[in-house]
């Protein structure tokens, strides 16, 4: 009770309700991405699915990169977009990144040198059997989780548990960033939530497929995905408490660095790998290239507009 009174004193009872309410709403919507993999598995073998996934990965890169350089890192340094006028300089950072991306892609297509080294981690491994397709029987398993009893768990590979634990830590830090962002302003919180949601969609789909390939059933993969997603709520609560009691600059700095790494070192090579794997001929490469551009520019534009008009947008 004393802790609750302290929180209300620090951030105000009325604002506190909005802060926690919007925070839990944002995390709940993000956690729905953990279930998207369950319903999208039957579509992963459709010819159009790599193009859809490419757009969402590009969207995730654009939102994560722009959220880091436009909002999280400037907040960590104590900069204000209205007073310090840093937005145009940050647009130049994205411009330098985009010019090199555009030039490299065009040169590879013109010189027909578009071959990627297919090594390392992949968010979107191929399915190994038709058993992964969603069925009514597997969907019913989700409601009871009867598989928690029995010997089936011993057949699951170690990599599945590694993925589950790392995903739980990842979701906890995502929640931490969301909570700290909401203590700064509701708009900053929603901006960070948008970036994380765009990243979670392809990330959770890839994790879901990898769990299936590691020996889990559809029900097992879905339930463990949801369990790891619940860690986002713990991170949200801690982020709100820390951000309300102390300056959240350190949280913003760590989250900004993570967002840059995930977008550029993790998701960007994955987007290129999908293009190298599924693009057929010159026309196919051009189509994938245009989809990549659409995702990147859409993601960056959304966060840029939020940053520019933050002072003119009222959430009540």
C-alpha atoms as a PDB file:
ATOM      1  CA  UNK A   1       0.000   0.000   0.000  1.00  0.00           C
ATOM      2  CA  UNK A   2       2.848   2.368   0.819  1.00  0.00           C
ATOM      3  CA  UNK A   3       4.453   1.562  -2.522  1.00  0.00           C
ATOM      4  CA  UNK A   4       1.205   2.389  -4.344  1.00  0.00           C
ATOM      5  CA  UNK A   5       0.921   5.699  -2.484  1.00  0.00           C
ATOM      6  CA  UNK A   6       4.515   6.529  -3.373  1.00  0.00           C
ATOM      7  CA  UNK A   7       3.852   5.813  -7.063  1.00  0.00           C
ATOM      8  CA  UNK A   8       0.742   8.012  -7.042  1.00  0.00           C
ATOM      9  CA  UNK A   9       2.678  10.840  -5.410  1.00  0.00           C
ATOM     10  CA  UNK A  10       5.474  10.565  -7.966  1.00  0.00           C
ATOM     11  CA  UNK A  11       3.440  10.535 -11.135  1.00  0.00           C
ATOM     12  CA  UNK A  12      -0.047  11.682 -10.143  1.00  0.00           C
ATOM     13  CA  UNK A  13      -3.121   9.497  -9.714  1.00  0.00           C
ATOM     14  CA  UNK A  14      -4.879  10.571 -12.916  1.00  0.00           C
ATOM     15  CA  UNK A  15      -1.798  10.314 -15.136  1.00  0.00           C
ATOM     16  CA  UNK A  16      -0.866   7.076 -13.394  1.00  0.00           C
ATOM     17  CA  UNK A  17      -4.048   5.436 -14.643  1.00  0.00           C
ATOM     18  CA  UNK A  18      -3.323   6.466 -18.235  1.00  0.00           C
ATOM     19  CA  UNK A  19       0.317   5.471 -17.916  1.00  0.00           C
ATOM     20  CA  UNK A  20      -0.377   1.934 -16.726  1.00  0.00           C
ATOM     21  CA  UNK A  21      -3.478   1.501 -18.870  1.00  0.00           C
ATOM     22  CA  UNK A  22      -1.848   2.541 -22.147  1.00  0.00           C
ATOM     23  CA  UNK A  23       1.297   0.628 -21.235  1.00  0.00           C
ATOM     24  CA  UNK A  24      -0.531  -2.646 -20.646  1.00  0.00           C
ATOM     25  CA  UNK A  25      -2.612  -2.079 -23.790  1.00  0.00           C
ATOM     26  CA  UNK A  26       0.509  -1.574 -25.911  1.00  0.00           C
ATOM     27  CA  UNK A  27       2.238  -4.662 -24.476  1.00  0.00           C
ATOM     28  CA  UNK A  28      -0.904  -6.764 -24.954  1.00  0.00           C
ATOM     29  CA  UNK A  29      -1.139  -5.791 -28.618  1.00  0.00           C
ATOM     30  CA  UNK A  30       2.570  -6.555 -29.076  1.00  0.00           C
ATOM     31  CA  UNK A  31       2.163  -9.951 -27.399  1.00  0.00           C
ATOM     32  CA  UNK A  32      -0.516 -10.863 -29.917  1.00  0.00           C
ATOM     33  CA  UNK A  33       2.374 -11.152 -32.377  1.00  0.00           C
ATOM     34  CA  UNK A  34       3.389 -14.274 -30.453  1.00  0.00           C
ATOM     35  CA  UNK A  35       0.176 -15.897 -31.671  1.00  0.00           C
ATOM     36  CA  UNK A  36       0.436 -14.662 -35.260  1.00  0.00           C
ATOM     37  CA  UNK A  37       2.954 -17.381 -36.070  1.00  0.00           C
ATOM     38  CA  UNK A  38       0.378 -20.008 -35.152  1.00  0.00           C
ATOM     39  CA  UNK A  39      -2.098 -18.767 -37.745  1.00  0.00           C
ATOM     40  CA  UNK A  40       0.444 -17.880 -40.441  1.00  0.00           C
ATOM     41  CA  UNK A  41       2.320 -21.203 -40.582  1.00  0.00           C
ATOM     42  CA  UNK A  42      -0.045 -22.597 -43.274  1.00  0.00           C
ATOM     43  CA  UNK A  43       0.815 -19.593 -45.479  1.00  0.00           C
ATOM     44  CA  UNK A  44       4.602 -19.876 -45.239  1.00  0.00           C
ATOM     45  CA  UNK A  45       4.763 -22.081 -48.350  1.00  0.00           C
ATOM     46  CA  UNK A  46       2.653 -19.743 -50.466  1.00  0.00           C
ATOM     47  CA  UNK A  47       4.648 -18.065 -53.283  1.00  0.00           C
ATOM     48  CA  UNK A  48       3.710 -14.557 -52.115  1.00  0.00           C
ATOM     49  CA  UNK A  49       4.681 -15.045 -48.457  1.00  0.00           C
ATOM     50  CA  UNK A  50       8.415 -14.136 -48.835  1.00  0.00           C
ATOM     51  CA  UNK A  51       7.356 -10.788 -50.330  1.00  0.00           C
ATOM     52  CA  UNK A  52       4.981 -10.088 -47.425  1.00  0.00           C
ATOM     53  CA  UNK A  53       7.647 -11.060 -44.910  1.00  0.00           C
ATOM     54  CA  UNK A  54      10.214  -8.880 -46.700  1.00  0.00           C
ATOM     55  CA  UNK A  55       7.943  -5.844 -46.363  1.00  0.00           C
ATOM     56  CA  UNK A  56       7.421  -6.403 -42.639  1.00  0.00           C
ATOM     57  CA  UNK A  57      11.137  -6.938 -42.032  1.00  0.00           C
ATOM     58  CA  UNK A  58      11.874  -3.693 -43.913  1.00  0.00           C
ATOM     59  CA  UNK A  59       9.181  -1.975 -41.860  1.00  0.00           C
ATOM     60  CA  UNK A  60      10.762  -3.307 -38.667  1.00  0.00           C
ATOM     61  CA  UNK A  61      14.219  -2.082 -39.705  1.00  0.00           C
ATOM     62  CA  UNK A  62      12.871   1.374 -40.528  1.00  0.00           C
ATOM     63  CA  UNK A  63      10.925   1.766 -37.282  1.00  0.00           C
ATOM     64  CA  UNK A  64      13.641   0.348 -35.003  1.00  0.00           C
ATOM     65  CA  UNK A  65      16.431   2.400 -36.609  1.00  0.00           C
ATOM     66  CA  UNK A  66      14.442   5.637 -36.629  1.00  0.00           C
ATOM     67  CA  UNK A  67      13.088   5.145 -33.110  1.00  0.00           C
ATOM     68  CA  UNK A  68      16.662   4.666 -31.854  1.00  0.00           C
ATOM     69  CA  UNK A  69      18.214   7.683 -33.604  1.00  0.00           C
ATOM     70  CA  UNK A  70      15.208  10.020 -33.478  1.00  0.00           C
ATOM     71  CA  UNK A  71      13.908   9.395 -29.971  1.00  0.00           C
ATOM     72  CA  UNK A  72      15.710   6.957 -27.658  1.00  0.00           C
ATOM     73  CA  UNK A  73      19.333   8.071 -28.135  1.00  0.00           C
ATOM     74  CA  UNK A  74      18.477  11.833 -28.140  1.00  0.00           C
ATOM     75  CA  UNK A  75      16.445  11.313 -24.954  1.00  0.00           C
ATOM     76  CA  UNK A  76      19.392   9.500 -23.398  1.00  0.00           C
ATOM     77  CA  UNK A  77      21.548  12.554 -24.224  1.00  0.00           C
ATOM     78  CA  UNK A  78      18.949  14.985 -22.873  1.00  0.00           C
ATOM     79  CA  UNK A  79      18.043  16.506 -26.262  1.00  0.00           C
ATOM     80  CA  UNK A  80      14.638  17.915 -27.176  1.00  0.00           C
ATOM     81  CA  UNK A  81      13.451  17.859 -30.816  1.00  0.00           C
ATOM     82  CA  UNK A  82      11.923  21.354 -30.546  1.00  0.00           C
ATOM     83  CA  UNK A  83      14.667  23.115 -28.608  1.00  0.00           C
ATOM     84  CA  UNK A  84      17.786  21.418 -29.964  1.00  0.00           C
ATOM     85  CA  UNK A  85      16.705  21.044 -33.627  1.00  0.00           C
ATOM     86  CA  UNK A  86      18.490  17.728 -34.124  1.00  0.00           C
ATOM     87  CA  UNK A  87      15.844  16.087 -36.308  1.00  0.00           C
ATOM     88  CA  UNK A  88      17.281  17.228 -39.659  1.00  0.00           C
ATOM     89  CA  UNK A  89      20.716  15.942 -38.692  1.00  0.00           C
ATOM     90  CA  UNK A  90      19.228  12.572 -37.785  1.00  0.00           C
ATOM     91  CA  UNK A  91      17.432  12.484 -41.130  1.00  0.00           C
ATOM     92  CA  UNK A  92      20.902  12.907 -42.634  1.00  0.00           C
ATOM     93  CA  UNK A  93      22.056   9.818 -40.712  1.00  0.00           C
ATOM     94  CA  UNK A  94      19.241   7.787 -42.222  1.00  0.00           C
ATOM     95  CA  UNK A  95      19.961   9.394 -45.592  1.00  0.00           C
ATOM     96  CA  UNK A  96      23.579   8.194 -45.520  1.00  0.00           C
ATOM     97  CA  UNK A  97      22.455   4.693 -44.593  1.00  0.00           C
ATOM     98  CA  UNK A  98      19.769   4.644 -47.284  1.00  0.00           C
ATOM     99  CA  UNK A  99      22.035   5.991 -50.051  1.00  0.00           C
ATOM    100  CA  UNK A 100      24.570   3.222 -49.468  1.00  0.00           C
ATOM    101  CA  UNK A 101      21.803   0.605 -49.275  1.00  0.00           C
ATOM    102  CA  UNK A 102      20.222   1.858 -52.505  1.00  0.00           C
ATOM    103  CA  UNK A 103      23.552   2.102 -54.362  1.00  0.00           C
ATOM    104  CA  UNK A 104      24.724  -1.340 -53.277  1.00  0.00           C
ATOM    105  CA  UNK A 105      21.434  -2.993 -54.251  1.00  0.00           C
ATOM    106  CA  UNK A 106      21.350  -1.328 -57.686  1.00  0.00           C
ATOM    107  CA  UNK A 107      24.978  -2.222 -58.413  1.00  0.00           C
ATOM    108  CA  UNK A 108      24.419  -5.848 -57.433  1.00  0.00           C
ATOM    109  CA  UNK A 109      21.375  -6.096 -59.688  1.00  0.00           C
ATOM    110  CA  UNK A 110      23.092  -4.406 -62.630  1.00  0.00           C
ATOM    111  CA  UNK A 111      26.296  -6.435 -62.256  1.00  0.00           C
ATOM    112  CA  UNK A 112      24.303  -9.596 -61.472  1.00  0.00           C
ATOM    113  CA  UNK A 113      26.365 -10.082 -58.341  1.00  0.00           C
ATOM    114  CA  UNK A 114      23.421 -10.452 -55.990  1.00  0.00           C
ATOM    115  CA  UNK A 115      24.581 -13.535 -54.146  1.00  0.00           C
ATOM    116  CA  UNK A 116      24.452 -13.513 -50.376  1.00  0.00           C
ATOM    117  CA  UNK A 117      26.463 -15.750 -48.073  1.00  0.00           C
ATOM    118  CA  UNK A 118      23.814 -17.955 -46.500  1.00  0.00           C
ATOM    119  CA  UNK A 119      25.411 -18.537 -43.143  1.00  0.00           C
ATOM    120  CA  UNK A 120      24.485 -17.579 -39.619  1.00  0.00           C
ATOM    121  CA  UNK A 121      21.209 -17.072 -37.820  1.00  0.00           C
ATOM    122  CA  UNK A 122      17.936 -16.961 -39.697  1.00  0.00           C
ATOM    123  CA  UNK A 123      14.553 -15.833 -38.436  1.00  0.00           C
ATOM    124  CA  UNK A 124      12.798 -17.721 -41.232  1.00  0.00           C
ATOM    125  CA  UNK A 125      14.121 -21.277 -41.643  1.00  0.00           C
ATOM    126  CA  UNK A 126      12.291 -23.631 -44.012  1.00  0.00           C
ATOM    127  CA  UNK A 127       9.652 -25.915 -42.618  1.00  0.00           C
ATOM    128  CA  UNK A 128      10.667 -29.541 -42.527  1.00  0.00           C
ATOM    129  CA  UNK A 129       7.363 -31.338 -42.731  1.00  0.00           C
ATOM    130  CA  UNK A 130       3.701 -30.843 -43.407  1.00  0.00           C
ATOM    131  CA  UNK A 131       3.008 -31.718 -39.760  1.00  0.00           C
ATOM    132  CA  UNK A 132       3.571 -28.061 -38.934  1.00  0.00           C
ATOM    133  CA  UNK A 133       0.354 -27.036 -40.683  1.00  0.00           C
ATOM    134  CA  UNK A 134      -2.365 -25.788 -38.380  1.00  0.00           C
ATOM    135  CA  UNK A 135      -5.205 -28.224 -37.814  1.00  0.00           C
ATOM    136  CA  UNK A 136      -8.287 -28.178 -35.651  1.00  0.00           C
ATOM    137  CA  UNK A 137      -6.816 -30.890 -33.471  1.00  0.00           C
ATOM    138  CA  UNK A 138      -3.629 -28.902 -32.822  1.00  0.00           C
ATOM    139  CA  UNK A 139      -5.662 -25.780 -32.097  1.00  0.00           C
ATOM    140  CA  UNK A 140      -7.612 -27.655 -29.439  1.00  0.00           C
ATOM    141  CA  UNK A 141      -4.343 -28.627 -27.774  1.00  0.00           C
ATOM    142  CA  UNK A 142      -3.787 -24.936 -27.039  1.00  0.00           C
ATOM    143  CA  UNK A 143      -6.820 -24.889 -24.766  1.00  0.00           C
ATOM    144  CA  UNK A 144      -5.718 -27.736 -22.532  1.00  0.00           C
ATOM    145  CA  UNK A 145      -1.901 -28.018 -22.847  1.00  0.00           C
ATOM    146  CA  UNK A 146      -2.201 -31.706 -21.968  1.00  0.00           C
ATOM    147  CA  UNK A 147       1.230 -32.275 -23.532  1.00  0.00           C
ATOM    148  CA  UNK A 148       2.863 -30.860 -20.387  1.00  0.00           C
ATOM    149  CA  UNK A 149       2.465 -34.357 -18.936  1.00  0.00           C
ATOM    150  CA  UNK A 150       4.287 -37.241 -20.557  1.00  0.00           C
ATOM    151  CA  UNK A 151       7.520 -38.100 -22.328  1.00  0.00           C
ATOM    152  CA  UNK A 152       7.102 -35.771 -25.305  1.00  0.00           C
ATOM    153  CA  UNK A 153       9.164 -33.020 -23.686  1.00  0.00           C
ATOM    154  CA  UNK A 154      12.315 -35.176 -23.730  1.00  0.00           C
ATOM    155  CA  UNK A 155      12.293 -35.223 -27.539  1.00  0.00           C
ATOM    156  CA  UNK A 156      12.591 -31.446 -27.809  1.00  0.00           C
ATOM    157  CA  UNK A 157      16.051 -30.223 -28.835  1.00  0.00           C
ATOM    158  CA  UNK A 158      18.118 -27.999 -26.551  1.00  0.00           C
ATOM    159  CA  UNK A 159      18.023 -25.154 -29.081  1.00  0.00           C
ATOM    160  CA  UNK A 160      14.279 -24.792 -28.448  1.00  0.00           C
ATOM    161  CA  UNK A 161      14.874 -23.977 -24.776  1.00  0.00           C
ATOM    162  CA  UNK A 162      17.694 -21.590 -25.698  1.00  0.00           C
ATOM    163  CA  UNK A 163      15.343 -19.760 -28.069  1.00  0.00           C
ATOM    164  CA  UNK A 164      12.616 -19.587 -25.399  1.00  0.00           C
ATOM    165  CA  UNK A 165      14.936 -18.205 -22.696  1.00  0.00           C
ATOM    166  CA  UNK A 166      16.618 -15.659 -25.003  1.00  0.00           C
ATOM    167  CA  UNK A 167      13.203 -14.564 -26.279  1.00  0.00           C
ATOM    168  CA  UNK A 168      12.008 -14.078 -22.680  1.00  0.00           C
ATOM    169  CA  UNK A 169      15.017 -11.843 -21.920  1.00  0.00           C
ATOM    170  CA  UNK A 170      14.459  -9.950 -25.175  1.00  0.00           C
ATOM    171  CA  UNK A 171      10.779  -9.374 -24.337  1.00  0.00           C
ATOM    172  CA  UNK A 172      11.662  -8.231 -20.800  1.00  0.00           C
ATOM    173  CA  UNK A 173      14.013  -5.565 -22.172  1.00  0.00           C
ATOM    174  CA  UNK A 174      11.384  -4.536 -24.735  1.00  0.00           C
ATOM    175  CA  UNK A 175       8.921  -4.042 -21.889  1.00  0.00           C
ATOM    176  CA  UNK A 176      11.532  -2.055 -19.957  1.00  0.00           C
ATOM    177  CA  UNK A 177      11.965   0.301 -22.924  1.00  0.00           C
ATOM    178  CA  UNK A 178       8.196   0.673 -23.371  1.00  0.00           C
ATOM    179  CA  UNK A 179       7.627   1.420 -19.679  1.00  0.00           C
ATOM    180  CA  UNK A 180      10.403   4.014 -19.524  1.00  0.00           C
ATOM    181  CA  UNK A 181       9.135   5.628 -22.747  1.00  0.00           C
ATOM    182  CA  UNK A 182       5.592   5.972 -21.381  1.00  0.00           C
ATOM    183  CA  UNK A 183       6.923   7.778 -18.300  1.00  0.00           C
ATOM    184  CA  UNK A 184       8.440  10.362 -20.639  1.00  0.00           C
ATOM    185  CA  UNK A 185       5.229  10.913 -22.617  1.00  0.00           C
ATOM    186  CA  UNK A 186       2.354   8.864 -23.963  1.00  0.00           C
ATOM    187  CA  UNK A 187       3.383   9.643 -27.534  1.00  0.00           C
ATOM    188  CA  UNK A 188       6.968   8.490 -26.960  1.00  0.00           C
ATOM    189  CA  UNK A 189       5.604   5.315 -25.417  1.00  0.00           C
ATOM    190  CA  UNK A 190       3.409   4.583 -28.402  1.00  0.00           C
ATOM    191  CA  UNK A 191       6.247   5.379 -30.796  1.00  0.00           C
ATOM    192  CA  UNK A 192       8.518   2.849 -29.067  1.00  0.00           C
ATOM    193  CA  UNK A 193       5.646   0.346 -28.990  1.00  0.00           C
ATOM    194  CA  UNK A 194       5.103   0.702 -32.752  1.00  0.00           C
ATOM    195  CA  UNK A 195       8.778   0.022 -33.423  1.00  0.00           C
ATOM    196  CA  UNK A 196       8.779  -3.050 -31.178  1.00  0.00           C
ATOM    197  CA  UNK A 197       5.542  -4.392 -32.675  1.00  0.00           C
ATOM    198  CA  UNK A 198       6.913  -4.134 -36.217  1.00  0.00           C
ATOM    199  CA  UNK A 199      10.016  -6.027 -35.080  1.00  0.00           C
ATOM    200  CA  UNK A 200       8.088  -8.665 -33.118  1.00  0.00           C
ATOM    201  CA  UNK A 201       5.930  -9.807 -36.055  1.00  0.00           C
ATOM    202  CA  UNK A 202       8.716 -11.359 -38.187  1.00  0.00           C
ATOM    203  CA  UNK A 203      10.789 -12.201 -35.106  1.00  0.00           C
ATOM    204  CA  UNK A 204       8.049 -14.225 -33.391  1.00  0.00           C
ATOM    205  CA  UNK A 205       7.106 -15.942 -36.645  1.00  0.00           C
ATOM    206  CA  UNK A 206      10.707 -17.025 -37.110  1.00  0.00           C
ATOM    207  CA  UNK A 207      10.970 -18.217 -33.503  1.00  0.00           C
ATOM    208  CA  UNK A 208       7.717 -20.149 -33.886  1.00  0.00           C
ATOM    209  CA  UNK A 209       8.968 -21.974 -36.959  1.00  0.00           C
ATOM    210  CA  UNK A 210      12.315 -22.762 -35.308  1.00  0.00           C
ATOM    211  CA  UNK A 211      10.539 -24.189 -32.256  1.00  0.00           C
ATOM    212  CA  UNK A 212       8.511 -26.446 -34.552  1.00  0.00           C
ATOM    213  CA  UNK A 213      11.690 -27.620 -36.261  1.00  0.00           C
ATOM    214  CA  UNK A 214      13.243 -28.317 -32.842  1.00  0.00           C
ATOM    215  CA  UNK A 215      10.666 -30.951 -31.984  1.00  0.00           C
ATOM    216  CA  UNK A 216       7.841 -28.963 -30.399  1.00  0.00           C
ATOM    217  CA  UNK A 217       4.235 -29.454 -31.440  1.00  0.00           C
ATOM    218  CA  UNK A 218       2.123 -26.488 -32.540  1.00  0.00           C
ATOM    219  CA  UNK A 219       0.549 -26.307 -29.084  1.00  0.00           C
ATOM    220  CA  UNK A 220       3.875 -26.443 -27.288  1.00  0.00           C
ATOM    221  CA  UNK A 221       5.464 -23.775 -29.495  1.00  0.00           C
ATOM    222  CA  UNK A 222       2.486 -21.448 -29.076  1.00  0.00           C
ATOM    223  CA  UNK A 223       2.321 -21.836 -25.285  1.00  0.00           C
ATOM    224  CA  UNK A 224       6.058 -21.337 -24.731  1.00  0.00           C
ATOM    225  CA  UNK A 225       6.000 -18.363 -27.089  1.00  0.00           C
ATOM    226  CA  UNK A 226       3.229 -16.870 -24.957  1.00  0.00           C
ATOM    227  CA  UNK A 227       5.088 -17.614 -21.717  1.00  0.00           C
ATOM    228  CA  UNK A 228       8.176 -15.776 -22.969  1.00  0.00           C
ATOM    229  CA  UNK A 229       5.958 -12.928 -24.171  1.00  0.00           C
ATOM    230  CA  UNK A 230       4.590 -12.509 -20.629  1.00  0.00           C
ATOM    231  CA  UNK A 231       8.039 -11.287 -19.550  1.00  0.00           C
ATOM    232  CA  UNK A 232       7.251  -8.095 -21.442  1.00  0.00           C
ATOM    233  CA  UNK A 233       4.722  -7.215 -18.707  1.00  0.00           C
ATOM    234  CA  UNK A 234       7.403  -7.599 -16.028  1.00  0.00           C
ATOM    235  CA  UNK A 235       9.708  -5.314 -17.989  1.00  0.00           C
ATOM    236  CA  UNK A 236       6.880  -2.805 -18.470  1.00  0.00           C
ATOM    237  CA  UNK A 237       6.170  -2.614 -14.734  1.00  0.00           C
ATOM    238  CA  UNK A 238       9.850  -2.223 -13.841  1.00  0.00           C
ATOM    239  CA  UNK A 239      10.357   0.361 -16.608  1.00  0.00           C
ATOM    240  CA  UNK A 240       7.428   2.467 -15.348  1.00  0.00           C
ATOM    241  CA  UNK A 241       8.608   2.288 -11.733  1.00  0.00           C
ATOM    242  CA  UNK A 242      12.222   3.135 -12.587  1.00  0.00           C
ATOM    243  CA  UNK A 243      11.279   5.809 -15.111  1.00  0.00           C
ATOM    244  CA  UNK A 244       8.892   7.447 -12.627  1.00  0.00           C
ATOM    245  CA  UNK A 245      11.381   7.419  -9.746  1.00  0.00           C
ATOM    246  CA  UNK A 246      14.681   8.069 -11.528  1.00  0.00           C
ATOM    247  CA  UNK A 247      15.915   9.609 -14.769  1.00  0.00           C
ATOM    248  CA  UNK A 248      15.377   6.889 -17.432  1.00  0.00           C
ATOM    249  CA  UNK A 249      18.307   8.049 -19.610  1.00  0.00           C
ATOM    250  CA  UNK A 250      20.286   4.846 -19.065  1.00  0.00           C
ATOM    251  CA  UNK A 251      17.308   2.721 -20.126  1.00  0.00           C
ATOM    252  CA  UNK A 252      16.904   4.795 -23.301  1.00  0.00           C
ATOM    253  CA  UNK A 253      20.614   4.468 -24.091  1.00  0.00           C
ATOM    254  CA  UNK A 254      20.584   0.668 -23.695  1.00  0.00           C
ATOM    255  CA  UNK A 255      17.341   0.290 -25.654  1.00  0.00           C
ATOM    256  CA  UNK A 256      18.657   2.550 -28.435  1.00  0.00           C
ATOM    257  CA  UNK A 257      21.793   0.445 -28.799  1.00  0.00           C
ATOM    258  CA  UNK A 258      19.729  -2.754 -28.849  1.00  0.00           C
ATOM    259  CA  UNK A 259      17.372  -1.363 -31.485  1.00  0.00           C
ATOM    260  CA  UNK A 260      20.313  -0.421 -33.718  1.00  0.00           C
ATOM    261  CA  UNK A 261      21.863  -3.869 -33.360  1.00  0.00           C
ATOM    262  CA  UNK A 262      18.609  -5.747 -33.992  1.00  0.00           C
ATOM    263  CA  UNK A 263      17.746  -3.655 -37.048  1.00  0.00           C
ATOM    264  CA  UNK A 264      21.172  -3.467 -38.725  1.00  0.00           C
ATOM    265  CA  UNK A 265      23.046  -6.571 -37.577  1.00  0.00           C
ATOM    266  CA  UNK A 266      20.152  -9.013 -37.242  1.00  0.00           C
ATOM    267  CA  UNK A 267      17.170  -8.100 -39.416  1.00  0.00           C
ATOM    268  CA  UNK A 268      18.941  -6.349 -42.301  1.00  0.00           C
ATOM    269  CA  UNK A 269      21.002  -9.429 -43.326  1.00  0.00           C
ATOM    270  CA  UNK A 270      17.832 -11.498 -42.948  1.00  0.00           C
ATOM    271  CA  UNK A 271      15.966  -9.256 -45.383  1.00  0.00           C
ATOM    272  CA  UNK A 272      18.797  -9.642 -47.914  1.00  0.00           C
ATOM    273  CA  UNK A 273      18.897 -13.411 -47.358  1.00  0.00           C
ATOM    274  CA  UNK A 274      15.211 -13.760 -48.182  1.00  0.00           C
ATOM    275  CA  UNK A 275      15.731 -11.774 -51.381  1.00  0.00           C
ATOM    276  CA  UNK A 276      18.731 -13.901 -52.406  1.00  0.00           C
ATOM    277  CA  UNK A 277      16.810 -17.111 -51.685  1.00  0.00           C
ATOM    278  CA  UNK A 278      13.446 -16.336 -53.278  1.00  0.00           C
ATOM    279  CA  UNK A 279      14.091 -13.719 -55.999  1.00  0.00           C
ATOM    280  CA  UNK A 280      14.015 -15.387 -59.433  1.00  0.00           C
ATOM    281  CA  UNK A 281      15.676 -13.523 -62.274  1.00  0.00           C
ATOM    282  CA  UNK A 282      16.226  -9.815 -62.766  1.00  0.00           C
ATOM    283  CA  UNK A 283      12.522  -8.942 -62.537  1.00  0.00           C
ATOM    284  CA  UNK A 284      12.182 -10.854 -59.269  1.00  0.00           C
ATOM    285  CA  UNK A 285      15.126  -9.002 -57.739  1.00  0.00           C
ATOM    286  CA  UNK A 286      13.629  -5.657 -58.772  1.00  0.00           C
ATOM    287  CA  UNK A 287      10.286  -6.568 -57.148  1.00  0.00           C
ATOM    288  CA  UNK A 288      11.969  -7.562 -53.881  1.00  0.00           C
ATOM    289  CA  UNK A 289      14.106  -4.420 -53.986  1.00  0.00           C
ATOM    290  CA  UNK A 290      11.026  -2.214 -54.339  1.00  0.00           C
ATOM    291  CA  UNK A 291       9.320  -4.030 -51.454  1.00  0.00           C
ATOM    292  CA  UNK A 292      12.422  -3.550 -49.284  1.00  0.00           C
ATOM    293  CA  UNK A 293      12.398   0.178 -50.071  1.00  0.00           C
ATOM    294  CA  UNK A 294       8.686   0.442 -49.286  1.00  0.00           C
ATOM    295  CA  UNK A 295       9.147  -1.166 -45.875  1.00  0.00           C
ATOM    296  CA  UNK A 296      12.219   0.883 -44.924  1.00  0.00           C
ATOM    297  CA  UNK A 297      10.746   4.219 -45.988  1.00  0.00           C
ATOM    298  CA  UNK A 298       7.347   3.526 -44.417  1.00  0.00           C
ATOM    299  CA  UNK A 299       8.897   2.632 -41.063  1.00  0.00           C
ATOM    300  CA  UNK A 300      11.192   5.661 -40.997  1.00  0.00           C
ATOM    301  CA  UNK A 301       8.448   8.039 -42.137  1.00  0.00           C
ATOM    302  CA  UNK A 302       6.027   6.936 -39.400  1.00  0.00           C
ATOM    303  CA  UNK A 303       8.506   7.566 -36.564  1.00  0.00           C
ATOM    304  CA  UNK A 304       9.744  10.792 -38.197  1.00  0.00           C
ATOM    305  CA  UNK A 305       6.215  12.212 -38.402  1.00  0.00           C
ATOM    306  CA  UNK A 306       5.538  11.276 -34.784  1.00  0.00           C
ATOM    307  CA  UNK A 307       8.738  13.034 -33.725  1.00  0.00           C
ATOM    308  CA  UNK A 308       8.084  16.176 -35.771  1.00  0.00           C
ATOM    309  CA  UNK A 309       4.472  16.627 -34.653  1.00  0.00           C
ATOM    310  CA  UNK A 310       4.806  15.295 -31.109  1.00  0.00           C
ATOM    311  CA  UNK A 311       3.897  18.669 -29.647  1.00  0.00           C
ATOM    312  CA  UNK A 312       0.771  18.987 -31.801  1.00  0.00           C
ATOM    313  CA  UNK A 313      -0.666  15.530 -31.088  1.00  0.00           C
ATOM    314  CA  UNK A 314      -2.889  15.153 -28.038  1.00  0.00           C
ATOM    315  CA  UNK A 315      -3.830  11.758 -26.609  1.00  0.00           C
ATOM    316  CA  UNK A 316      -6.207  13.153 -24.013  1.00  0.00           C
END
